[in-house]
Amino acid sequence: MSRNPSVSMTRQQQDFVVRMVQTGRYKGVSEVVRAGLRLLEDREDEREARLKAIESLVQQGLDSGPAGPLEDVGSIIAAAGKEPET
């Protein structure tokens, strides 16, 4: 990859970048783009972690054994409202 790749932006994105630089929060376009890439990287890391967690839960379900018959939903709801037996 070249050291300074070109990036195509819509007019709206260009206007946003210019506003961010004009506020003084960023020194230039490159800083704005790097900040955006850091946010994207964080979001992708979070997405990957969520997917791994889901895959783990699915595997736990598969490892728990064969599925049994589903109880009557009404009895499940009624049991959830009862005090635990001691």
C-alpha atoms as a PDB file:
ATOM      1  CA  MET A   1       0.000   0.000   0.000  1.00  0.00           C
ATOM      2  CA  SER A   2       1.270   3.450  -0.755  1.00  0.00           C
ATOM      3  CA  ARG A   3       2.226   5.692   2.133  1.00  0.00           C
ATOM      4  CA  ASN A   4      -0.460   8.242   1.345  1.00  0.00           C
ATOM      5  CA  PRO A   5      -3.453   6.436  -0.162  1.00  0.00           C
ATOM      6  CA  SER A   6      -6.124   8.594  -1.700  1.00  0.00           C
ATOM      7  CA  VAL A   7      -9.581   8.482  -0.189  1.00  0.00           C
ATOM      8  CA  SER A   8     -12.806   9.318  -1.987  1.00  0.00           C
ATOM      9  CA  MET A   9     -15.447  11.068   0.093  1.00  0.00           C
ATOM     10  CA  THR A  10     -18.912  12.378  -0.551  1.00  0.00           C
ATOM     11  CA  ARG A  11     -19.511  16.115  -0.312  1.00  0.00           C
ATOM     12  CA  GLN A  12     -21.178  15.566   3.073  1.00  0.00           C
ATOM     13  CA  GLN A  13     -18.137  13.668   4.379  1.00  0.00           C
ATOM     14  CA  GLN A  14     -15.791  16.343   3.053  1.00  0.00           C
ATOM     15  CA  ASP A  15     -17.838  19.059   4.759  1.00  0.00           C
ATOM     16  CA  PHE A  16     -17.761  17.109   8.007  1.00  0.00           C
ATOM     17  CA  VAL A  17     -13.982  16.685   7.850  1.00  0.00           C
ATOM     18  CA  VAL A  18     -13.528  20.390   7.159  1.00  0.00           C
ATOM     19  CA  ARG A  19     -15.776  21.272  10.134  1.00  0.00           C
ATOM     20  CA  MET A  20     -13.795  18.970  12.410  1.00  0.00           C
ATOM     21  CA  VAL A  21     -10.514  20.616  11.366  1.00  0.00           C
ATOM     22  CA  GLN A  22     -12.006  24.112  11.675  1.00  0.00           C
ATOM     23  CA  THR A  23     -13.044  23.420  15.268  1.00  0.00           C
ATOM     24  CA  GLY A  24      -9.379  22.913  16.091  1.00  0.00           C
ATOM     25  CA  ARG A  25     -10.012  19.488  17.506  1.00  0.00           C
ATOM     26  CA  TYR A  26      -8.032  17.943  14.662  1.00  0.00           C
ATOM     27  CA  LYS A  27      -4.969  19.386  12.952  1.00  0.00           C
ATOM     28  CA  GLY A  28      -5.781  18.013   9.525  1.00  0.00           C
ATOM     29  CA  VAL A  29      -7.709  15.615   7.337  1.00  0.00           C
ATOM     30  CA  SER A  30      -5.388  12.729   8.195  1.00  0.00           C
ATOM     31  CA  GLU A  31      -6.159  13.057  11.905  1.00  0.00           C
ATOM     32  CA  VAL A  32      -9.895  12.998  11.226  1.00  0.00           C
ATOM     33  CA  VAL A  33      -9.556   9.919   9.018  1.00  0.00           C
ATOM     34  CA  ARG A  34      -7.351   8.138  11.586  1.00  0.00           C
ATOM     35  CA  ALA A  35      -9.882   8.890  14.344  1.00  0.00           C
ATOM     36  CA  GLY A  36     -12.642   7.453  12.175  1.00  0.00           C
ATOM     37  CA  LEU A  37     -10.591   4.344  11.444  1.00  0.00           C
ATOM     38  CA  ARG A  38      -9.910   3.831  15.162  1.00  0.00           C
ATOM     39  CA  LEU A  39     -13.654   3.954  15.845  1.00  0.00           C
ATOM     40  CA  LEU A  40     -14.311   1.495  13.025  1.00  0.00           C
ATOM     41  CA  GLU A  41     -11.616  -0.838  14.342  1.00  0.00           C
ATOM     42  CA  ASP A  42     -13.117  -0.695  17.856  1.00  0.00           C
ATOM     43  CA  ARG A  43     -16.579  -1.428  16.482  1.00  0.00           C
ATOM     44  CA  GLU A  44     -15.312  -4.376  14.463  1.00  0.00           C
ATOM     45  CA  ASP A  45     -13.466  -5.743  17.524  1.00  0.00           C
ATOM     46  CA  GLU A  46     -16.678  -5.496  19.562  1.00  0.00           C
ATOM     47  CA  ARG A  47     -18.643  -7.202  16.787  1.00  0.00           C
ATOM     48  CA  GLU A  48     -16.128 -10.029  16.633  1.00  0.00           C
ATOM     49  CA  ALA A  49     -16.262 -10.473  20.414  1.00  0.00           C
ATOM     50  CA  ARG A  50     -20.090 -10.621  20.337  1.00  0.00           C
ATOM     51  CA  LEU A  51     -20.023 -13.204  17.555  1.00  0.00           C
ATOM     52  CA  LYS A  52     -17.535 -15.343  19.472  1.00  0.00           C
ATOM     53  CA  ALA A  53     -19.753 -15.144  22.563  1.00  0.00           C
ATOM     54  CA  ILE A  54     -22.793 -16.216  20.535  1.00  0.00           C
ATOM     55  CA  GLU A  55     -20.850 -19.067  18.956  1.00  0.00           C
ATOM     56  CA  SER A  56     -19.756 -20.193  22.420  1.00  0.00           C
ATOM     57  CA  LEU A  57     -23.339 -20.145  23.712  1.00  0.00           C
ATOM     58  CA  VAL A  58     -24.547 -22.089  20.681  1.00  0.00           C
ATOM     59  CA  GLN A  59     -21.804 -24.656  21.250  1.00  0.00           C
ATOM     60  CA  GLN A  60     -22.774 -24.937  24.932  1.00  0.00           C
ATOM     61  CA  GLY A  61     -26.329 -25.637  23.846  1.00  0.00           C
ATOM     62  CA  LEU A  62     -25.195 -28.265  21.374  1.00  0.00           C
ATOM     63  CA  ASP A  63     -22.915 -29.862  23.967  1.00  0.00           C
ATOM     64  CA  SER A  64     -25.713 -30.012  26.555  1.00  0.00           C
ATOM     65  CA  GLY A  65     -27.263 -32.972  24.830  1.00  0.00           C
ATOM     66  CA  PRO A  66     -30.290 -33.714  22.706  1.00  0.00           C
ATOM     67  CA  ALA A  67     -33.295 -31.479  22.972  1.00  0.00           C
ATOM     68  CA  GLY A  68     -36.231 -32.754  24.952  1.00  0.00           C
ATOM     69  CA  PRO A  69     -39.887 -32.016  24.472  1.00  0.00           C
ATOM     70  CA  LEU A  70     -40.902 -28.432  25.163  1.00  0.00           C
ATOM     71  CA  GLU A  71     -43.047 -27.987  28.230  1.00  0.00           C
ATOM     72  CA  ASP A  72     -46.301 -26.125  28.074  1.00  0.00           C
ATOM     73  CA  VAL A  73     -45.411 -22.421  28.002  1.00  0.00           C
ATOM     74  CA  GLY A  74     -48.178 -21.652  30.483  1.00  0.00           C
ATOM     75  CA  SER A  75     -46.694 -23.989  33.071  1.00  0.00           C
ATOM     76  CA  ILE A  76     -43.246 -22.458  32.579  1.00  0.00           C
ATOM     77  CA  ILE A  77     -44.667 -18.975  33.162  1.00  0.00           C
ATOM     78  CA  ALA A  78     -46.636 -20.151  36.198  1.00  0.00           C
ATOM     79  CA  ALA A  79     -43.559 -21.853  37.669  1.00  0.00           C
ATOM     80  CA  ALA A  80     -41.496 -18.719  37.165  1.00  0.00           C
ATOM     81  CA  GLY A  81     -43.921 -16.774  39.339  1.00  0.00           C
ATOM     82  CA  LYS A  82     -43.870 -19.231  42.251  1.00  0.00           C
ATOM     83  CA  GLU A  83     -41.617 -19.036  45.261  1.00  0.00           C
ATOM     84  CA  PRO A  84     -38.801 -21.601  45.182  1.00  0.00           C
ATOM     85  CA  GLU A  85     -39.487 -24.754  47.173  1.00  0.00           C
ATOM     86  CA  THR A  86     -37.354 -25.216  50.268  1.00  0.00           C
END
